[in-house]
Amino acid sequence: MVVRSPLILILTIVALGLVTVPAFAATLAEKKAEVQRIEREVAALDARAGAAAAEANAAITAAEEIRAELKQTRTSLATARRDLARSRDRLAKRLRSLYISPEPTLPELLVSGHSLGDIVETSRLIDRTAQADANVLSTTRSRRAELSQLTEKLTRDSKIADERSARAAAQRQRVQALVSARNGVLSNVRGELKKLLEQEQARQRRLAALKLQNGTSVPRSAATVPAVSLPGGSHLFPVAGPTRFSDDWLFSRPGGRYHQGIDLFAERGTPLVAVANGSLYRVGWNGLGGWRLWLRDDAGTTYYYAHLESFADVAREGARVSRGTVVGYMGDSGSARGTGVHLHFEIHPGGGGPVRPWPFVTSWPRAS
């Protein structure tokens, strides 16, 4: 039996780098602090990128609304021009008729030998003709005024549409710059985290191989958590069933928009649950989101659920729900039609701009 002295054992362990000496502990703590700092910077960049994406999307939506108004204005303008042309044509015909066959005067009617009844009827016809002439003139004037107003509106709306489009383009450039900066920071963070994890795992393997008999346990690495926590207690994953998803935050979408959330794919009709205790609002339909709703939790953070197939009975405007309550069912309504059944899910801390959902949804427990 070989007996090793405690001093030799300690020197051997230190030489192999298996004991966390104060210098190594300080380095490890500094690395962790640096990683946490960079994670906070990434979270701040995510928030800025989300706000810029939301502004760009809002500008695009406003420009689309103006373009729709322009289309309606052009239609009204064409109608006004046709009506004006018809009014002018009727007026021209009436003037030609008066020039060729002017209405007889009352003495002329009396001399012509017509009966009193004929004279009265002819007078009424003259009055109706005069009234018709007055109506044509009035219509012509109103059509001209309408034509002028619509032309001014067309010019004004075109200018607004151009300004909104320019703003949307500037916002898109701002988002791209933020995303590039975020990706650079993320790359550094991932490298630091990988190196730190590899060092920790190697140290744990060496410690386990020595089988130290001093009664101490091998420390475990902490689980990864979101860099920014959401107030209001624990949360729950929004889909109550098998789900497929990726980190598609700020991916490009049709029409120049940016993806402000994350798409969670599941079978049609899969229940969707409230991620926290709170109240529902804006429960209903819109063009992009289809059947959609918002949830505001007790801490003021809001969550957006879009493209639902249908709502649960509890999903009513202002309804109070508890964490895990079924609020709707997975679908592909709105702009999701043809892109696969999924839930578009957004997180807005404090009800402000959207933030990257991936760190949160990947850490939330699933509904049982």
Protein backbone atom coordinates (compact mmCIF):
# COMPACT_ATOMS: atom_id res chain seq x y z
CA MET A 1 0.00 0.00 0.00
CA VAL A 2 1.43 3.38 -1.06
CA VAL A 3 0.81 6.26 1.34
CA ARG A 4 1.06 9.75 -0.09
CA SER A 5 1.70 12.71 2.18
CA PRO A 6 -0.96 15.46 2.15
CA LEU A 7 1.67 17.97 1.02
CA ILE A 8 2.63 15.90 -2.02
CA LEU A 9 -1.05 15.37 -2.92
CA ILE A 10 -1.79 19.10 -2.69
CA LEU A 11 1.28 20.02 -4.74
CA THR A 12 0.31 17.47 -7.39
CA ILE A 13 -3.23 18.80 -7.64
CA VAL A 14 -2.06 22.42 -7.87
CA ALA A 15 0.49 21.50 -10.53
CA LEU A 16 -2.24 19.89 -12.61
CA GLY A 17 -4.41 22.97 -12.26
CA LEU A 18 -7.14 21.07 -10.44
CA VAL A 19 -7.57 23.35 -7.46
CA THR A 20 -9.29 26.69 -7.86
CA VAL A 21 -6.63 28.89 -6.37
CA PRO A 22 -7.45 32.53 -5.56
CA ALA A 23 -5.85 33.85 -8.78
CA PHE A 24 -7.88 31.47 -10.93
CA ALA A 25 -11.01 32.25 -8.93
CA ALA A 26 -10.48 35.95 -9.54
CA THR A 27 -9.97 35.34 -13.28
CA LEU A 28 -13.11 33.22 -13.42
CA ALA A 29 -15.11 35.86 -11.56
CA GLU A 30 -13.81 38.57 -13.89
CA LYS A 31 -14.75 36.48 -16.92
CA LYS A 32 -18.24 35.92 -15.58
CA ALA A 33 -18.64 39.62 -14.78
CA GLU A 34 -17.47 40.52 -18.29
CA VAL A 35 -19.88 38.06 -19.85
CA GLN A 36 -22.74 39.47 -17.77
CA ARG A 37 -21.80 43.02 -18.79
CA ILE A 38 -21.72 42.08 -22.48
CA GLU A 39 -25.03 40.25 -22.13
CA ARG A 40 -26.57 43.43 -20.70
CA GLU A 41 -25.17 45.39 -23.64
CA VAL A 42 -26.63 42.83 -26.05
CA ALA A 43 -30.00 43.06 -24.31
CA ALA A 44 -29.90 46.86 -24.60
CA LEU A 45 -29.02 46.59 -28.29
CA ASP A 46 -31.87 44.14 -28.77
CA ALA A 47 -34.28 46.62 -27.19
CA ARG A 48 -33.01 49.44 -29.43
CA ALA A 49 -33.19 47.23 -32.52
CA GLY A 50 -36.71 46.17 -31.59
CA ALA A 51 -37.82 49.79 -31.14
CA ALA A 52 -36.30 50.76 -34.49
CA ALA A 53 -37.95 47.78 -36.20
CA ALA A 54 -41.30 48.72 -34.69
CA GLU A 55 -40.93 52.31 -35.94
CA ALA A 56 -39.96 51.09 -39.41
CA ASN A 57 -42.93 48.73 -39.52
CA ALA A 58 -45.26 51.52 -38.37
CA ALA A 59 -43.93 53.83 -41.11
CA ILE A 60 -44.49 51.12 -43.72
CA THR A 61 -48.04 50.54 -42.45
CA ALA A 62 -48.75 54.31 -42.56
CA ALA A 63 -47.37 54.53 -46.11
CA GLU A 64 -49.55 51.60 -47.17
CA GLU A 65 -52.62 53.32 -45.68
CA ILE A 66 -51.80 56.52 -47.60
CA ARG A 67 -51.34 54.54 -50.80
CA ALA A 68 -54.77 53.02 -50.24
CA GLU A 69 -56.21 56.51 -49.74
CA LEU A 70 -54.44 57.67 -52.89
CA LYS A 71 -56.03 54.85 -54.83
CA GLN A 72 -59.46 55.82 -53.51
CA THR A 73 -58.75 59.50 -54.26
CA ARG A 74 -57.77 58.68 -57.83
CA THR A 75 -61.00 56.71 -58.25
CA SER A 76 -63.04 59.64 -56.87
CA LEU A 77 -61.11 62.01 -59.09
CA ALA A 78 -61.90 59.96 -62.19
CA THR A 79 -65.58 59.84 -61.19
CA ALA A 80 -65.65 63.62 -60.66
CA ARG A 81 -64.07 64.21 -64.04
CA ARG A 82 -66.65 61.98 -65.76
CA ASP A 83 -69.50 63.73 -63.94
CA LEU A 84 -68.09 67.12 -64.87
CA ALA A 85 -67.82 66.11 -68.51
CA ARG A 86 -71.43 64.91 -68.48
CA SER A 87 -72.59 68.15 -66.82
CA ARG A 88 -70.73 70.25 -69.37
CA ASP A 89 -72.18 68.17 -72.21
CA ARG A 90 -75.73 68.64 -70.91
CA LEU A 91 -75.14 72.37 -70.51
CA ALA A 92 -73.75 72.65 -74.05
CA LYS A 93 -76.74 70.80 -75.48
CA ARG A 94 -79.14 73.02 -73.59
CA LEU A 95 -77.41 76.18 -74.79
CA ARG A 96 -77.52 74.95 -78.40
CA SER A 97 -81.23 74.19 -77.98
CA LEU A 98 -81.92 77.66 -76.62
CA TYR A 99 -79.99 79.25 -79.47
CA ILE A 100 -81.87 77.29 -82.14
CA SER A 101 -85.34 77.28 -80.53
CA PRO A 102 -85.64 79.84 -77.71
CA GLU A 103 -88.65 79.54 -75.36
CA PRO A 104 -91.66 81.64 -76.52
CA THR A 105 -92.72 84.65 -74.52
CA LEU A 106 -96.21 84.91 -72.98
CA PRO A 107 -97.48 87.42 -75.62
CA GLU A 108 -96.23 85.09 -78.34
CA LEU A 109 -98.18 82.25 -76.77
CA LEU A 110 -101.33 84.36 -76.57
CA VAL A 111 -101.07 85.46 -80.19
CA SER A 112 -100.50 81.90 -81.36
CA GLY A 113 -104.07 81.00 -80.45
CA HIS A 114 -103.26 78.35 -77.81
CA SER A 115 -105.84 77.62 -75.15
CA LEU A 116 -105.38 78.75 -71.56
CA GLY A 117 -104.58 75.19 -70.53
CA ASP A 118 -101.88 74.95 -73.18
CA ILE A 119 -100.45 78.24 -72.03
CA VAL A 120 -100.33 77.09 -68.37
CA GLU A 121 -98.72 73.77 -69.33
CA THR A 122 -96.21 75.54 -71.54
CA SER A 123 -95.36 77.94 -68.69
CA ARG A 124 -94.79 75.01 -66.35
CA LEU A 125 -92.57 73.34 -68.96
CA ILE A 126 -90.57 76.57 -69.29
CA ASP A 127 -90.19 76.74 -65.48
CA ARG A 128 -89.03 73.11 -65.30
CA THR A 129 -86.58 73.71 -68.14
CA ALA A 130 -85.21 76.78 -66.39
CA GLN A 131 -84.87 74.80 -63.16
CA ALA A 132 -83.08 72.01 -65.03
CA ASP A 133 -80.73 74.56 -66.55
CA ALA A 134 -80.02 75.97 -63.09
CA ASN A 135 -79.34 72.44 -61.76
CA VAL A 136 -76.90 71.73 -64.59
CA LEU A 137 -75.06 74.98 -63.86
CA SER A 138 -74.97 74.21 -60.12
CA THR A 139 -73.74 70.67 -60.73
CA THR A 140 -71.06 71.94 -63.05
CA ARG A 141 -69.82 74.41 -60.43
CA SER A 142 -69.84 71.77 -57.63
CA ARG A 143 -68.02 69.26 -59.82
CA ARG A 144 -65.38 71.85 -60.63
CA ALA A 145 -64.93 72.61 -56.90
CA GLU A 146 -64.78 68.89 -56.08
CA LEU A 147 -62.26 68.35 -58.86
CA SER A 148 -60.07 71.13 -57.44
CA GLN A 149 -60.28 69.75 -53.89
CA LEU A 150 -59.47 66.20 -54.96
CA THR A 151 -56.53 67.37 -57.03
CA GLU A 152 -55.14 69.23 -54.01
CA LYS A 153 -55.68 66.19 -51.80
CA LEU A 154 -53.94 63.97 -54.33
CA THR A 155 -50.90 66.28 -54.35
CA ARG A 156 -50.85 66.55 -50.55
CA ASP A 157 -51.21 62.78 -49.95
CA SER A 158 -48.53 62.00 -52.51
CA LYS A 159 -46.10 64.23 -50.61
CA ILE A 160 -46.99 62.55 -47.30
CA ALA A 161 -46.53 59.09 -48.83
CA ASP A 162 -43.09 60.06 -50.12
CA GLU A 163 -42.08 61.41 -46.69
CA ARG A 164 -43.30 58.25 -44.93
CA SER A 165 -41.48 56.02 -47.41
CA ALA A 166 -38.25 57.96 -46.86
CA ARG A 167 -38.70 57.61 -43.11
CA ALA A 168 -39.26 53.87 -43.44
CA ALA A 169 -36.10 53.54 -45.53
CA ALA A 170 -34.09 55.45 -42.91
CA GLN A 171 -35.50 53.28 -40.15
CA ARG A 172 -34.57 50.13 -42.06
CA GLN A 173 -30.98 51.36 -42.37
CA ARG A 174 -30.93 52.12 -38.65
CA VAL A 175 -32.18 48.63 -37.84
CA GLN A 176 -29.59 47.02 -40.09
CA ALA A 177 -26.80 48.95 -38.33
CA LEU A 178 -28.12 47.92 -34.92
CA VAL A 179 -28.45 44.30 -35.96
CA SER A 180 -24.89 44.25 -37.32
CA ALA A 181 -23.60 45.70 -34.05
CA ARG A 182 -25.65 43.19 -32.06
CA ASN A 183 -24.33 40.27 -34.09
CA GLY A 184 -20.75 41.41 -33.49
CA VAL A 185 -21.31 41.63 -29.74
CA LEU A 186 -23.11 38.31 -29.73
CA SER A 187 -20.20 36.64 -31.51
CA ASN A 188 -17.80 37.86 -28.82
CA VAL A 189 -20.15 36.81 -26.03
CA ARG A 190 -20.58 33.33 -27.45
CA GLY A 191 -16.82 32.96 -27.78
CA GLU A 192 -16.29 33.99 -24.16
CA LEU A 193 -19.05 31.73 -22.93
CA LYS A 194 -17.72 28.77 -24.92
CA LYS A 195 -14.19 29.27 -23.61
CA LEU A 196 -15.44 29.65 -20.05
CA LEU A 197 -17.60 26.54 -20.32
CA GLU A 198 -14.77 24.48 -21.80
CA GLN A 199 -12.43 25.51 -18.99
CA GLU A 200 -15.03 24.70 -16.36
CA GLN A 201 -15.84 21.32 -17.89
CA ALA A 202 -12.14 20.43 -18.19
CA ARG A 203 -11.59 21.35 -14.56
CA GLN A 204 -14.56 19.25 -13.47
CA ARG A 205 -13.30 16.26 -15.47
CA ARG A 206 -9.85 16.50 -13.89
CA LEU A 207 -11.33 16.82 -10.41
CA ALA A 208 -13.58 13.81 -10.99
CA ALA A 209 -10.66 11.74 -12.31
CA LEU A 210 -8.62 12.31 -9.11
CA LYS A 211 -11.51 11.11 -6.95
CA LEU A 212 -10.60 13.40 -4.10
CA GLN A 213 -11.65 12.02 -0.75
CA ASN A 214 -11.95 15.30 1.10
CA GLY A 215 -15.77 15.24 1.15
CA THR A 216 -16.20 18.25 -1.16
CA SER A 217 -18.43 18.09 -4.23
CA VAL A 218 -17.58 19.15 -7.77
CA PRO A 219 -19.22 22.55 -8.51
CA ARG A 220 -21.77 22.71 -11.32
CA SER A 221 -22.04 25.40 -13.98
CA ALA A 222 -25.01 27.70 -13.63
CA ALA A 223 -27.84 27.35 -16.13
CA THR A 224 -28.10 29.99 -18.83
CA VAL A 225 -30.78 32.60 -18.09
CA PRO A 226 -31.96 35.63 -20.03
CA ALA A 227 -29.73 38.70 -19.68
CA VAL A 228 -32.81 40.81 -18.83
CA SER A 229 -35.42 39.36 -16.51
CA LEU A 230 -39.12 40.15 -16.74
CA PRO A 231 -40.78 41.42 -13.55
CA GLY A 232 -43.91 39.85 -12.24
CA GLY A 233 -42.80 36.39 -11.20
CA SER A 234 -42.55 33.15 -13.13
CA HIS A 235 -43.81 32.72 -16.69
CA LEU A 236 -45.03 29.84 -18.81
CA PHE A 237 -44.28 28.84 -22.41
CA PRO A 238 -47.22 30.12 -24.54
CA VAL A 239 -47.88 26.88 -26.49
CA ALA A 240 -49.31 23.86 -24.66
CA GLY A 241 -47.99 21.16 -27.00
CA PRO A 242 -45.00 20.03 -29.11
CA THR A 243 -43.48 23.12 -30.74
CA ARG A 244 -40.79 23.87 -33.32
CA PHE A 245 -39.11 27.26 -33.51
CA SER A 246 -35.87 29.13 -34.17
CA ASP A 247 -34.45 32.52 -33.24
CA ASP A 248 -36.03 34.47 -36.14
CA TRP A 249 -36.05 37.82 -34.32
CA LEU A 250 -35.78 40.77 -36.76
CA PHE A 251 -35.77 38.54 -39.84
CA SER A 252 -37.03 40.26 -43.01
CA ARG A 253 -40.72 39.96 -43.84
CA PRO A 254 -42.74 40.81 -46.98
CA GLY A 255 -43.23 44.50 -47.70
CA GLY A 256 -39.94 45.52 -46.10
CA ARG A 257 -41.09 44.81 -42.54
CA TYR A 258 -39.02 43.24 -39.76
CA HIS A 259 -40.05 40.33 -37.57
CA GLN A 260 -40.72 41.82 -34.14
CA GLY A 261 -41.24 38.49 -32.39
CA ILE A 262 -40.70 34.77 -32.73
CA ASP A 263 -42.73 32.19 -34.69
CA LEU A 264 -43.69 29.07 -32.73
CA PHE A 265 -44.88 26.23 -35.00
CA ALA A 266 -47.27 23.50 -33.86
CA GLU A 267 -50.28 21.52 -35.06
CA ARG A 268 -53.44 23.44 -35.92
CA GLY A 269 -55.69 23.77 -32.89
CA THR A 270 -52.91 23.38 -30.31
CA PRO A 271 -53.96 25.31 -27.17
CA LEU A 272 -52.28 28.65 -26.48
CA VAL A 273 -51.98 29.69 -22.85
CA ALA A 274 -51.46 32.89 -20.89
CA VAL A 275 -47.77 33.19 -20.04
CA ALA A 276 -48.55 35.09 -16.82
CA ASN A 277 -51.40 36.40 -14.70
CA GLY A 278 -52.95 39.45 -16.30
CA SER A 279 -55.68 40.97 -18.45
CA LEU A 280 -56.54 40.56 -22.13
CA TYR A 281 -57.10 43.46 -24.51
CA ARG A 282 -57.36 44.16 -28.27
CA VAL A 283 -59.03 40.79 -28.68
CA GLY A 284 -60.18 40.51 -32.28
CA TRP A 285 -59.03 40.78 -35.88
CA ASN A 286 -56.56 42.86 -37.86
CA GLY A 287 -55.17 42.45 -41.37
CA LEU A 288 -51.64 41.31 -40.54
CA GLY A 289 -52.18 39.46 -37.26
CA GLY A 290 -55.48 37.85 -38.20
CA TRP A 291 -57.25 36.70 -35.04
CA ARG A 292 -55.03 38.15 -32.34
CA LEU A 293 -54.96 39.31 -28.73
CA TRP A 294 -52.72 41.10 -26.24
CA LEU A 295 -52.02 40.08 -22.64
CA ARG A 296 -50.83 42.63 -20.06
CA ASP A 297 -49.35 40.98 -16.96
CA ASP A 298 -49.50 42.41 -13.45
CA ALA A 299 -46.07 44.05 -13.84
CA GLY A 300 -47.08 45.92 -17.02
CA THR A 301 -45.26 43.76 -19.57
CA THR A 302 -47.39 43.02 -22.65
CA TYR A 303 -47.42 39.91 -24.88
CA TYR A 304 -48.78 39.71 -28.42
CA TYR A 305 -50.40 36.51 -29.77
CA ALA A 306 -51.17 36.52 -33.53
CA HIS A 307 -52.49 34.24 -36.34
CA LEU A 308 -54.87 32.31 -34.06
CA GLU A 309 -57.34 29.82 -35.49
CA SER A 310 -59.92 30.80 -32.87
CA PHE A 311 -60.31 32.17 -29.34
CA ALA A 312 -61.14 30.31 -26.15
CA ASP A 313 -64.38 31.28 -24.40
CA VAL A 314 -62.44 33.27 -21.80
CA ALA A 315 -60.85 35.49 -24.46
CA ARG A 316 -62.90 38.65 -24.09
CA GLU A 317 -61.88 42.32 -24.01
CA GLY A 318 -60.68 43.16 -20.49
CA ALA A 319 -60.98 39.55 -19.24
CA ARG A 320 -58.79 38.59 -16.29
CA VAL A 321 -56.77 35.37 -16.83
CA SER A 322 -54.37 33.30 -14.77
CA ARG A 323 -51.01 31.87 -15.83
CA GLY A 324 -51.68 28.74 -17.90
CA THR A 325 -55.27 29.65 -18.86
CA VAL A 326 -56.08 28.61 -22.45
CA VAL A 327 -56.79 31.83 -24.39
CA GLY A 328 -56.90 30.53 -27.97
CA TYR A 329 -55.80 27.92 -30.49
CA MET A 330 -52.96 27.71 -33.00
CA GLY A 331 -53.79 28.72 -36.60
CA ASP A 332 -52.59 30.65 -39.65
CA SER A 333 -55.00 33.58 -39.93
CA GLY A 334 -54.10 36.98 -41.33
CA SER A 335 -50.80 37.33 -43.20
CA ALA A 336 -49.72 33.85 -42.03
CA ARG A 337 -52.03 32.14 -44.53
CA GLY A 338 -49.90 29.80 -46.62
CA THR A 339 -46.79 30.13 -44.43
CA GLY A 340 -47.56 27.28 -42.05
CA VAL A 341 -49.58 27.05 -38.85
CA HIS A 342 -47.79 29.01 -36.13
CA LEU A 343 -48.09 31.53 -33.31
CA HIS A 344 -46.40 34.89 -33.77
CA PHE A 345 -45.38 35.87 -30.22
CA GLU A 346 -43.95 39.19 -29.02
CA ILE A 347 -42.71 40.50 -25.64
CA HIS A 348 -42.91 44.22 -24.75
CA PRO A 349 -41.41 44.98 -21.28
CA GLY A 350 -43.37 47.72 -19.59
CA GLY A 351 -45.64 47.89 -22.63
CA GLY A 352 -42.85 49.56 -24.65
CA GLY A 353 -40.92 48.37 -27.68
CA PRO A 354 -40.43 44.66 -28.46
CA VAL A 355 -37.43 42.66 -27.21
CA ARG A 356 -35.86 39.41 -28.44
CA PRO A 357 -38.12 36.57 -27.19
CA TRP A 358 -35.63 33.70 -27.64
CA PRO A 359 -33.85 33.91 -24.25
CA PHE A 360 -37.18 34.01 -22.45
CA VAL A 361 -39.24 31.36 -24.24
CA THR A 362 -36.32 28.90 -24.14
CA SER A 363 -36.11 29.27 -20.34
CA TRP A 364 -39.83 29.16 -19.55
CA PRO A 365 -41.34 25.84 -18.42
CA ARG A 366 -43.95 24.12 -20.59
CA ALA A 367 -47.58 23.71 -19.60
CA SER A 368 -48.19 20.24 -18.19
